[in-house]
Protein backbone atom coordinates (compact mmCIF):
# COMPACT_ATOMS: atom_id res chain seq x y z
CA MET A 1 -4.68 -34.15 -11.66
CA THR A 2 -2.06 -34.77 -10.45
CA LYS A 3 -1.80 -37.71 -6.70
CA LEU A 4 -0.92 -36.80 -4.06
CA PRO A 5 0.45 -39.08 -1.14
CA ILE A 6 -1.85 -39.56 2.07
CA ALA A 7 0.26 -37.06 4.32
CA THR A 8 0.52 -34.12 1.84
CA GLN A 9 -2.53 -34.00 1.27
CA LEU A 10 -3.42 -34.02 4.83
CA TYR A 11 -1.09 -30.94 5.79
CA ASN A 12 -3.09 -29.11 3.03
CA ALA A 13 -7.07 -30.36 4.40
CA LYS A 14 -9.64 -27.55 4.76
CA GLU A 15 -8.99 -29.08 8.40
CA PRO A 16 -4.88 -29.41 8.09
CA MET A 17 -3.32 -31.81 10.09
CA THR A 18 -0.43 -30.31 12.46
CA LEU A 19 3.01 -31.83 11.43
CA PHE A 20 3.25 -33.56 14.80
CA GLU A 21 -0.56 -34.83 14.02
CA LEU A 22 0.80 -36.24 10.97
CA GLN A 23 4.33 -37.38 12.79
CA ALA A 24 2.04 -39.79 15.27
CA TRP A 25 -0.20 -40.91 12.43
CA LEU A 26 2.67 -42.27 10.50
CA GLY A 27 4.40 -43.40 13.36
CA HIS A 28 7.47 -41.73 12.55
CA ARG A 29 10.49 -40.98 15.04
CA SER A 30 11.27 -37.86 13.57
CA PRO A 31 9.12 -35.08 12.47
CA ASP A 32 12.41 -34.96 9.76
CA SER A 33 10.80 -38.01 8.03
CA THR A 34 7.31 -36.72 8.58
CA GLN A 35 8.33 -33.92 6.07
CA GLN A 36 9.79 -36.03 2.82
CA TYR A 37 6.13 -36.85 2.61
CA ALA A 38 3.91 -33.61 4.11
CA LYS A 39 5.13 -31.19 1.87
CA ILE A 40 3.16 -27.85 1.69
CA THR A 41 1.12 -27.55 -2.28
CA PRO A 42 1.64 -23.94 -4.39
CA THR A 43 -2.90 -23.36 -3.41
CA THR A 44 -1.95 -22.70 0.15
CA LEU A 45 1.16 -21.87 0.50
CA ALA A 46 -1.15 -19.19 -1.90
CA LYS A 47 -4.05 -18.21 0.89
CA ALA A 48 -1.70 -18.87 3.70
CA TYR A 49 0.31 -15.22 2.34
CA GLN A 50 -3.55 -13.81 1.36
CA ASN A 51 -4.94 -15.10 5.02
CA ASP A 52 -2.25 -13.43 6.73
CA GLY A 53 -2.28 -10.57 4.34
CA TYR A 54 1.96 -10.19 3.11
CA PHE A 55 1.35 -8.44 0.57
CA GLU A 56 -1.18 -5.26 1.84
CA ARG A 57 1.68 -4.70 4.40
CA ASN A 58 4.33 -5.31 2.31
CA VAL A 59 4.03 -2.73 -1.65
CA ARG A 60 4.98 0.24 -0.71
CA THR A 61 6.25 2.44 -3.74
CA ILE A 62 9.64 3.77 -3.28
CA GLU A 63 10.52 7.25 -4.94
CA VAL A 64 13.31 7.00 -6.15
CA LEU A 65 15.01 11.18 -7.56
CA VAL A 66 17.42 11.38 -10.14
CA ASP A 67 20.42 14.32 -9.06
CA ARG A 68 20.16 16.56 -13.08
CA ASP A 69 23.66 17.73 -11.88
CA ALA A 70 25.25 14.62 -11.98
CA VAL A 71 23.83 12.69 -15.17
CA ALA A 72 24.18 16.37 -17.03
CA ASN A 73 27.99 17.30 -15.72
CA GLY A 74 29.19 13.60 -16.19
CA ALA A 75 29.51 12.45 -12.78
CA ALA A 76 27.00 9.85 -13.06
CA ALA A 77 29.25 8.26 -16.47
CA VAL A 78 32.50 7.94 -14.31
CA GLY A 79 30.25 5.96 -11.59
CA GLY A 80 28.63 8.86 -9.16
CA PRO A 81 25.61 8.25 -7.50
CA TRP A 82 22.82 9.83 -9.19
CA GLN A 83 19.77 7.14 -7.90
CA TYR A 84 18.30 8.20 -4.80
CA TYR A 85 15.44 6.02 -3.17
CA ASP A 86 14.18 7.89 -0.47
CA LEU A 87 13.68 6.06 2.72
CA GLY A 88 10.92 8.42 4.28
CA HIS A 89 14.25 9.11 7.08
CA GLY A 90 17.40 9.49 4.49
CA PHE A 91 18.32 8.24 0.83
CA CYS A 92 20.13 5.42 -0.31
CA SER A 93 21.56 5.17 -3.21
CA TYR A 94 23.06 2.24 -3.84
CA THR A 95 22.17 0.96 -7.83
CA PHE A 96 20.76 -1.96 -7.55
CA PHE A 97 18.11 -1.14 -3.85
CA GLU A 98 15.66 -3.73 -3.98
CA GLN A 99 18.41 -6.49 -4.00
CA CYS A 100 20.26 -4.70 -0.64
CA PRO A 101 20.76 -7.51 1.94
CA HIS A 102 20.64 -4.86 4.16
CA ARG A 103 17.84 -3.95 4.85
CA MET A 104 17.45 -1.77 8.34
CA ALA A 105 20.35 -1.45 8.83
CA CYS A 106 20.17 2.23 6.40
CA ALA A 107 22.85 4.15 8.91
CA LYS A 108 25.94 1.33 8.52
CA CYS A 109 25.28 1.88 4.50
CA ASP A 110 27.75 4.10 2.69
CA PHE A 111 25.34 4.25 0.15
CA TYR A 112 23.39 5.77 3.07
CA THR A 113 22.10 9.83 3.12
CA PRO A 114 21.10 10.73 6.17
CA LEU A 115 17.61 13.30 5.53
CA ASP A 116 19.43 17.15 8.02
CA ASP A 117 17.10 15.89 11.11
CA GLU A 118 19.04 12.83 11.66
CA ARG A 119 22.12 14.57 11.02
CA ALA A 120 21.66 17.58 13.06
CA ALA A 121 20.59 14.73 15.88
CA VAL A 122 24.66 13.40 15.86
CA ASP A 123 26.11 16.49 15.41
CA ASP A 124 24.09 18.74 17.37
CA GLY A 125 22.98 17.12 20.27
CA GLN A 126 20.45 17.03 22.72
CA ALA A 127 18.06 19.08 21.71
CA ALA A 128 17.82 18.26 18.26
CA LEU A 129 18.33 14.52 19.39
CA ASN A 130 14.62 14.80 21.26
CA LYS A 131 13.41 16.90 18.58
CA LEU A 132 14.43 14.21 15.79
CA LEU A 133 12.63 11.77 18.00
CA ASP A 134 9.61 13.12 18.59
CA GLN A 135 9.61 13.93 14.97
CA LEU A 136 9.66 10.00 14.50
CA ALA A 137 6.62 8.86 16.90
CA ASP A 138 4.03 10.02 14.46
CA VAL A 139 6.29 8.06 11.44
CA PRO A 140 3.52 4.56 11.15
CA THR A 141 5.79 1.79 11.52
CA PRO A 142 6.14 -1.58 9.07
CA ALA A 143 2.73 -2.60 10.95
CA GLY A 144 0.71 0.29 9.96
CA PRO A 145 -0.20 2.48 13.54
CA THR A 146 2.45 4.68 15.17
CA SER A 147 5.09 4.92 18.25
CA ARG A 148 2.39 6.70 19.60
CA GLN A 149 -0.36 4.90 19.16
CA VAL A 150 1.35 1.51 20.55
CA GLY A 151 1.87 3.46 23.17
CA THR A 152 6.16 2.70 23.46
CA GLN A 153 8.15 5.83 22.80
CA PRO A 154 11.07 6.55 20.95
CA THR A 155 13.58 6.89 23.72
CA GLN A 156 16.81 8.35 24.12
CA THR A 157 20.40 7.54 25.48
CA LEU A 158 23.55 9.11 24.82
CA ARG A 159 26.42 7.28 25.42
CA PRO A 160 29.53 8.12 25.62
CA ILE A 161 32.40 7.82 22.62
CA ILE A 162 34.73 5.66 23.92
CA GLU A 163 37.47 4.52 21.21
CA VAL A 164 36.85 6.52 18.20
CA ARG A 165 38.52 4.47 14.61
């Protein structure tokens, strides 16, 4: 068994001391000094993830669609998109989807292809936007409940286009 500094033991105990309590107990002026002595153990970190339900909330199945025509006609061989990740609101053709640095900003990404409903909301105006917002009110959030269940409805705000570059 590895010997741990007393500060680390107290920080990871069944009823742990907070960083500020340890700071006072050790007589440090700065919490930065205390952090040098109080390290979180892997067991405590794993328990925190388990108690928080982090993995259950964030494990999802992503459906990957393959464009057979792009593979068959050779477009995939010359770098054309052929693999699409179904995001529920559109498709992502980024080859390294799991490493995407700007998830949740899909609409601004060149690899993103919106579903027809979203495209219609942009192209067809207010009626299509209202229809899309009504459909999205029943789509679960990452935490589980829909916006209807939470009690917040998607809002519509059409802004005038001032400048197009």
